[in-house]
């Protein structure tokens, strides 16, 4: 049986890394897990998961996906706070993608907030 690597490039299998979060059988325990699972949700175009993990103060009404966009990889550059007992945290990441064959890179410091033991994406600053 072939193991599908996780889209978030954690080194683990998708079935045990991000898929349990996307399917709702588990919840991220820290900001980095949420960041990684949200990246995987973008890869598989899981709008419901993205909206559910977006902070209520900043959540859009919908998430738009581009049929021409292909996500290529994620690297976590830095995390501050965001552990299980914290109320907030940041994750700096770089995500590579192509649109219509042209390569791009999104570098962002994302802010996360813990509300009632659940992590939410609040907003981000593009670098």
N, C-alpha and C. Protein backbone atom coordinates (compact mmCIF):
# COMPACT_ATOMS: atom_id res chain seq x y z
N UNK A 1 0.84 -1.18 0.00
CA UNK A 1 0.00 0.00 0.00
C UNK A 1 0.88 1.25 0.00
N UNK A 2 0.60 2.14 -0.93
CA UNK A 2 1.41 3.35 -1.07
C UNK A 2 0.95 4.41 -0.07
N UNK A 3 1.92 5.03 0.59
CA UNK A 3 1.63 6.08 1.57
C UNK A 3 1.73 7.43 0.86
N UNK A 4 0.69 8.25 1.01
CA UNK A 4 0.70 9.58 0.42
C UNK A 4 1.36 10.54 1.41
N UNK A 5 2.45 11.19 1.00
CA UNK A 5 3.10 12.14 1.91
C UNK A 5 2.16 13.33 2.15
N UNK A 6 2.27 13.93 3.32
CA UNK A 6 1.42 15.06 3.64
C UNK A 6 1.81 16.27 2.79
N UNK A 7 0.81 17.01 2.36
CA UNK A 7 1.02 18.20 1.54
C UNK A 7 1.86 19.24 2.28
N UNK A 8 1.76 19.27 3.63
CA UNK A 8 2.44 20.30 4.43
C UNK A 8 3.93 20.06 4.57
N UNK A 9 4.39 18.96 4.02
CA UNK A 9 5.81 18.59 4.01
C UNK A 9 6.40 18.41 5.40
N UNK A 10 5.59 17.88 6.31
CA UNK A 10 6.06 17.57 7.66
C UNK A 10 6.97 16.35 7.67
N UNK A 11 6.88 15.56 6.62
CA UNK A 11 7.62 14.29 6.58
C UNK A 11 6.73 13.12 6.93
N UNK A 12 5.53 13.41 7.43
CA UNK A 12 4.58 12.35 7.78
C UNK A 12 3.64 12.03 6.63
N UNK A 13 2.84 11.01 6.84
CA UNK A 13 1.83 10.63 5.86
C UNK A 13 0.59 11.52 6.03
N UNK A 14 -0.04 11.88 4.92
CA UNK A 14 -1.23 12.71 4.95
C UNK A 14 -2.30 12.11 5.87
N UNK A 15 -2.46 10.79 5.83
CA UNK A 15 -3.50 10.10 6.60
C UNK A 15 -3.35 10.29 8.11
N UNK A 16 -2.13 10.54 8.58
CA UNK A 16 -1.92 10.71 10.02
C UNK A 16 -1.48 12.12 10.40
N UNK A 17 -1.16 12.94 9.40
CA UNK A 17 -0.70 14.30 9.68
C UNK A 17 -1.87 15.28 9.59
N UNK A 18 -2.22 15.74 8.42
CA UNK A 18 -3.26 16.77 8.26
C UNK A 18 -4.66 16.25 8.00
N UNK A 19 -4.78 15.06 7.41
CA UNK A 19 -6.11 14.56 7.08
C UNK A 19 -7.05 14.46 8.29
N UNK A 20 -6.58 14.02 9.48
CA UNK A 20 -7.49 13.98 10.63
C UNK A 20 -8.06 15.36 10.99
N UNK A 21 -7.31 16.41 10.77
CA UNK A 21 -7.80 17.77 11.03
C UNK A 21 -8.85 18.15 9.99
N UNK A 22 -8.55 17.90 8.72
CA UNK A 22 -9.48 18.25 7.65
C UNK A 22 -10.78 17.45 7.73
N UNK A 23 -10.68 16.22 8.18
CA UNK A 23 -11.88 15.38 8.28
C UNK A 23 -12.67 15.64 9.57
N UNK A 24 -12.08 16.37 10.51
CA UNK A 24 -12.77 16.68 11.75
C UNK A 24 -12.61 15.64 12.85
N UNK A 25 -11.75 14.65 12.64
CA UNK A 25 -11.56 13.63 13.68
C UNK A 25 -10.54 14.06 14.73
N UNK A 26 -9.84 15.18 14.48
CA UNK A 26 -8.88 15.73 15.44
C UNK A 26 -8.85 17.24 15.25
N UNK A 27 -8.33 17.95 16.27
CA UNK A 27 -8.16 19.39 16.14
C UNK A 27 -6.69 19.74 16.39
N UNK A 28 -6.17 20.73 15.65
CA UNK A 28 -4.78 21.12 15.85
C UNK A 28 -4.54 21.57 17.29
N UNK A 29 -3.41 21.13 17.86
CA UNK A 29 -3.07 21.43 19.25
C UNK A 29 -2.18 22.65 19.40
N UNK A 30 -1.70 23.19 18.26
CA UNK A 30 -0.85 24.38 18.32
C UNK A 30 -0.97 25.13 17.01
N UNK A 31 -0.42 26.35 17.00
CA UNK A 31 -0.54 27.21 15.82
C UNK A 31 0.15 26.62 14.59
N UNK A 32 1.30 25.98 14.77
CA UNK A 32 1.97 25.40 13.61
C UNK A 32 1.16 24.27 12.99
N UNK A 33 0.56 23.43 13.81
CA UNK A 33 -0.30 22.37 13.26
C UNK A 33 -1.45 22.98 12.46
N UNK A 34 -2.02 24.05 12.99
CA UNK A 34 -3.12 24.69 12.26
C UNK A 34 -2.60 25.28 10.95
N UNK A 35 -1.44 25.92 10.98
CA UNK A 35 -0.86 26.49 9.75
C UNK A 35 -0.66 25.39 8.72
N UNK A 36 -0.05 24.29 9.13
CA UNK A 36 0.20 23.18 8.21
C UNK A 36 -1.10 22.60 7.66
N UNK A 37 -2.09 22.42 8.53
CA UNK A 37 -3.36 21.84 8.07
C UNK A 37 -4.09 22.80 7.13
N UNK A 38 -3.98 24.11 7.37
CA UNK A 38 -4.61 25.08 6.47
C UNK A 38 -3.92 25.07 5.10
N UNK A 39 -2.60 24.91 5.09
CA UNK A 39 -1.89 24.79 3.81
C UNK A 39 -2.43 23.56 3.06
N UNK A 40 -2.54 22.43 3.75
CA UNK A 40 -3.08 21.22 3.11
C UNK A 40 -4.49 21.46 2.61
N UNK A 41 -5.29 22.22 3.36
CA UNK A 41 -6.66 22.52 2.93
C UNK A 41 -6.66 23.36 1.66
N UNK A 42 -5.69 24.27 1.51
CA UNK A 42 -5.58 25.02 0.26
C UNK A 42 -5.21 24.09 -0.89
N UNK A 43 -4.31 23.15 -0.63
CA UNK A 43 -3.89 22.21 -1.68
C UNK A 43 -5.08 21.40 -2.18
N UNK A 44 -5.93 20.93 -1.28
CA UNK A 44 -7.07 20.08 -1.68
C UNK A 44 -8.37 20.86 -1.85
N UNK A 45 -8.29 22.20 -1.78
CA UNK A 45 -9.45 23.09 -1.98
C UNK A 45 -10.58 22.78 -1.00
N UNK A 46 -10.26 22.67 0.28
CA UNK A 46 -11.25 22.39 1.33
C UNK A 46 -11.73 23.70 1.95
N UNK A 47 -12.70 24.33 1.29
CA UNK A 47 -13.21 25.62 1.75
C UNK A 47 -13.82 25.54 3.14
N UNK A 48 -14.55 24.48 3.42
CA UNK A 48 -15.23 24.34 4.72
C UNK A 48 -14.22 24.37 5.86
N UNK A 49 -13.11 23.65 5.72
CA UNK A 49 -12.09 23.63 6.78
C UNK A 49 -11.44 25.00 6.93
N UNK A 50 -11.12 25.64 5.82
CA UNK A 50 -10.49 26.96 5.89
C UNK A 50 -11.40 27.96 6.60
N UNK A 51 -12.67 27.97 6.27
CA UNK A 51 -13.61 28.89 6.92
C UNK A 51 -13.78 28.56 8.40
N UNK A 52 -13.85 27.27 8.72
CA UNK A 52 -14.04 26.85 10.11
C UNK A 52 -12.85 27.20 11.00
N UNK A 53 -11.67 27.32 10.41
CA UNK A 53 -10.46 27.60 11.19
C UNK A 53 -10.02 29.06 11.07
N UNK A 54 -10.84 29.87 10.44
CA UNK A 54 -10.57 31.30 10.30
C UNK A 54 -11.21 32.01 11.47
N UNK A 55 -10.51 32.94 12.09
CA UNK A 55 -11.02 33.67 13.25
C UNK A 55 -12.34 34.37 12.90
N UNK A 56 -13.34 34.28 13.79
CA UNK A 56 -14.64 34.91 13.49
C UNK A 56 -14.55 36.40 13.17
N UNK A 57 -13.58 37.10 13.73
CA UNK A 57 -13.44 38.55 13.48
C UNK A 57 -12.95 38.87 12.07
N UNK A 58 -12.22 37.95 11.45
CA UNK A 58 -11.62 38.23 10.15
C UNK A 58 -12.05 37.26 9.05
N UNK A 59 -12.94 36.34 9.35
CA UNK A 59 -13.37 35.29 8.40
C UNK A 59 -14.11 35.90 7.21
N UNK A 60 -13.68 35.55 6.00
CA UNK A 60 -14.42 36.00 4.81
C UNK A 60 -15.69 35.17 4.63
N UNK A 61 -16.55 35.59 3.74
CA UNK A 61 -17.78 34.83 3.49
C UNK A 61 -17.51 33.57 2.69
N UNK A 62 -16.43 33.59 1.90
CA UNK A 62 -16.05 32.39 1.15
C UNK A 62 -14.58 32.45 0.79
N UNK A 63 -14.05 31.31 0.37
CA UNK A 63 -12.66 31.22 -0.08
C UNK A 63 -12.69 30.89 -1.57
N UNK A 64 -11.97 31.65 -2.33
CA UNK A 64 -11.92 31.42 -3.78
C UNK A 64 -10.62 30.67 -4.13
N UNK A 65 -10.78 29.68 -4.98
CA UNK A 65 -9.63 28.90 -5.45
C UNK A 65 -9.43 29.18 -6.93
N UNK A 66 -8.19 29.13 -7.37
CA UNK A 66 -7.84 29.36 -8.77
C UNK A 66 -7.52 28.01 -9.40
N UNK A 67 -8.28 27.61 -10.42
CA UNK A 67 -8.05 26.32 -11.09
C UNK A 67 -6.66 26.21 -11.71
N UNK A 68 -6.04 27.35 -11.98
CA UNK A 68 -4.71 27.37 -12.59
C UNK A 68 -3.59 27.25 -11.55
N UNK A 69 -3.94 27.37 -10.25
CA UNK A 69 -2.93 27.39 -9.20
C UNK A 69 -2.61 25.98 -8.71
N UNK A 70 -1.32 25.69 -8.59
CA UNK A 70 -0.83 24.41 -8.07
C UNK A 70 0.15 24.70 -6.94
N UNK A 71 -0.15 24.21 -5.74
CA UNK A 71 0.73 24.40 -4.59
C UNK A 71 1.87 23.41 -4.70
N UNK A 72 3.10 23.88 -4.44
CA UNK A 72 4.29 23.07 -4.62
C UNK A 72 5.02 22.70 -3.34
N UNK A 73 4.85 23.51 -2.28
CA UNK A 73 5.56 23.18 -1.06
C UNK A 73 5.45 24.26 -0.01
N UNK A 74 5.66 23.84 1.22
CA UNK A 74 5.57 24.72 2.38
C UNK A 74 6.83 24.55 3.21
N UNK A 75 7.38 25.67 3.67
CA UNK A 75 8.46 25.59 4.66
C UNK A 75 8.14 26.56 5.78
N UNK A 76 8.27 26.06 7.00
CA UNK A 76 8.05 26.87 8.19
C UNK A 76 9.38 27.50 8.54
N UNK A 77 9.41 28.82 8.61
CA UNK A 77 10.66 29.53 8.88
C UNK A 77 10.84 29.85 10.36
N UNK A 78 9.73 30.14 11.06
CA UNK A 78 9.83 30.51 12.46
C UNK A 78 8.46 30.42 13.11
N UNK A 79 8.44 30.09 14.39
CA UNK A 79 7.21 30.13 15.18
C UNK A 79 7.52 30.86 16.48
N UNK A 80 6.56 31.64 16.94
CA UNK A 80 6.66 32.30 18.24
C UNK A 80 5.35 32.08 18.97
N UNK A 81 5.45 31.56 20.19
CA UNK A 81 4.23 31.22 20.93
C UNK A 81 3.47 30.15 20.17
N UNK A 82 2.16 30.13 20.39
CA UNK A 82 1.34 29.19 19.65
C UNK A 82 1.33 27.77 20.17
N UNK A 83 1.90 27.55 21.38
CA UNK A 83 1.89 26.21 21.97
C UNK A 83 0.51 25.93 22.58
N UNK A 84 0.31 24.70 23.00
CA UNK A 84 -1.00 24.28 23.50
C UNK A 84 -1.55 25.19 24.60
N UNK A 85 -0.73 25.70 25.50
CA UNK A 85 -1.23 26.53 26.58
C UNK A 85 -1.27 28.03 26.30
N UNK A 86 -0.79 28.43 25.12
CA UNK A 86 -0.73 29.85 24.77
C UNK A 86 -2.08 30.36 24.26
N UNK A 87 -2.26 31.67 24.34
CA UNK A 87 -3.47 32.31 23.81
C UNK A 87 -3.26 32.80 22.38
N UNK A 88 -2.00 33.01 21.98
CA UNK A 88 -1.73 33.49 20.62
C UNK A 88 -0.37 32.98 20.17
N UNK A 89 -0.12 33.15 18.89
CA UNK A 89 1.16 32.75 18.33
C UNK A 89 1.29 33.22 16.90
N UNK A 90 2.52 33.19 16.40
CA UNK A 90 2.76 33.52 15.00
C UNK A 90 3.56 32.40 14.35
N UNK A 91 3.34 32.25 13.06
CA UNK A 91 4.09 31.28 12.26
C UNK A 91 4.52 32.00 10.99
N UNK A 92 5.83 32.06 10.76
CA UNK A 92 6.35 32.60 9.51
C UNK A 92 6.59 31.43 8.57
N UNK A 93 6.08 31.56 7.35
CA UNK A 93 6.20 30.47 6.40
C UNK A 93 6.46 30.99 5.00
N UNK A 94 6.92 30.09 4.16
CA UNK A 94 7.03 30.35 2.72
C UNK A 94 6.30 29.22 2.02
N UNK A 95 5.38 29.59 1.14
CA UNK A 95 4.64 28.61 0.35
C UNK A 95 4.93 28.87 -1.13
N UNK A 96 5.31 27.82 -1.82
CA UNK A 96 5.60 27.93 -3.25
C UNK A 96 4.42 27.41 -4.05
N UNK A 97 4.13 28.10 -5.16
CA UNK A 97 3.04 27.67 -6.01
C UNK A 97 3.26 28.15 -7.44
N UNK A 98 2.53 27.55 -8.37
CA UNK A 98 2.55 27.97 -9.76
C UNK A 98 1.13 28.35 -10.17
N UNK A 99 1.05 29.38 -11.00
CA UNK A 99 -0.21 29.76 -11.62
C UNK A 99 0.05 29.80 -13.11
N UNK A 100 -0.68 28.96 -13.83
CA UNK A 100 -0.52 28.86 -15.29
C UNK A 100 0.96 28.66 -15.66
N UNK A 101 1.64 27.83 -14.88
CA UNK A 101 3.03 27.47 -15.18
C UNK A 101 4.09 28.43 -14.67
N UNK A 102 3.70 29.58 -14.12
CA UNK A 102 4.67 30.56 -13.61
C UNK A 102 4.82 30.41 -12.10
N UNK A 103 6.07 30.31 -11.63
CA UNK A 103 6.35 30.09 -10.22
C UNK A 103 6.19 31.35 -9.37
N UNK A 104 5.67 31.17 -8.16
CA UNK A 104 5.48 32.25 -7.20
C UNK A 104 5.84 31.74 -5.81
N UNK A 105 6.03 32.70 -4.90
CA UNK A 105 6.30 32.35 -3.51
C UNK A 105 5.54 33.32 -2.62
N UNK A 106 4.81 32.79 -1.68
CA UNK A 106 4.10 33.59 -0.68
C UNK A 106 4.86 33.45 0.63
N UNK A 107 5.33 34.57 1.17
CA UNK A 107 6.02 34.57 2.45
C UNK A 107 5.17 35.43 3.38
N UNK A 108 4.81 34.86 4.51
CA UNK A 108 3.88 35.55 5.41
C UNK A 108 4.20 35.22 6.86
N UNK A 109 3.92 36.17 7.74
CA UNK A 109 3.87 35.91 9.17
C UNK A 109 2.39 35.89 9.52
N UNK A 110 1.90 34.72 9.85
CA UNK A 110 0.49 34.54 10.18
C UNK A 110 0.29 34.63 11.69
N UNK A 111 -0.79 35.28 12.09
CA UNK A 111 -1.13 35.37 13.51
C UNK A 111 -2.30 34.42 13.81
N UNK A 112 -2.18 33.74 14.94
CA UNK A 112 -3.17 32.77 15.36
C UNK A 112 -3.63 33.09 16.78
N UNK A 113 -4.88 32.75 17.07
CA UNK A 113 -5.43 32.98 18.40
C UNK A 113 -6.14 31.71 18.87
N UNK A 114 -5.97 31.43 20.15
CA UNK A 114 -6.62 30.27 20.76
C UNK A 114 -7.88 30.76 21.47
N UNK A 115 -9.03 30.22 21.06
CA UNK A 115 -10.31 30.55 21.67
C UNK A 115 -10.94 29.24 22.14
N UNK A 116 -11.16 29.13 23.44
CA UNK A 116 -11.79 27.92 24.01
C UNK A 116 -11.09 26.64 23.56
N UNK A 117 -9.76 26.64 23.63
CA UNK A 117 -8.92 25.48 23.30
C UNK A 117 -8.92 25.11 21.82
N UNK A 118 -9.29 26.05 20.97
CA UNK A 118 -9.21 25.84 19.51
C UNK A 118 -8.41 26.97 18.89
N UNK A 119 -7.52 26.60 17.97
CA UNK A 119 -6.70 27.58 17.28
C UNK A 119 -7.41 28.08 16.04
N UNK A 120 -7.26 29.40 15.78
CA UNK A 120 -7.85 30.04 14.62
C UNK A 120 -6.81 30.93 13.95
N UNK A 121 -6.87 30.98 12.62
CA UNK A 121 -6.05 31.92 11.85
C UNK A 121 -6.70 33.29 11.98
N UNK A 122 -5.94 34.28 12.46
CA UNK A 122 -6.47 35.63 12.62
C UNK A 122 -6.19 36.47 11.37
N UNK A 123 -4.92 36.64 11.03
CA UNK A 123 -4.53 37.41 9.85
C UNK A 123 -3.05 37.18 9.59
N UNK A 124 -2.55 37.82 8.55
CA UNK A 124 -1.15 37.66 8.23
C UNK A 124 -0.57 38.89 7.57
N UNK A 125 0.75 39.01 7.71
CA UNK A 125 1.49 40.10 7.08
C UNK A 125 2.40 39.49 6.02
N UNK A 126 2.18 39.90 4.77
CA UNK A 126 3.03 39.40 3.67
C UNK A 126 4.39 40.07 3.76
N UNK A 127 5.43 39.28 3.60
CA UNK A 127 6.80 39.80 3.65
C UNK A 127 7.38 39.92 2.25
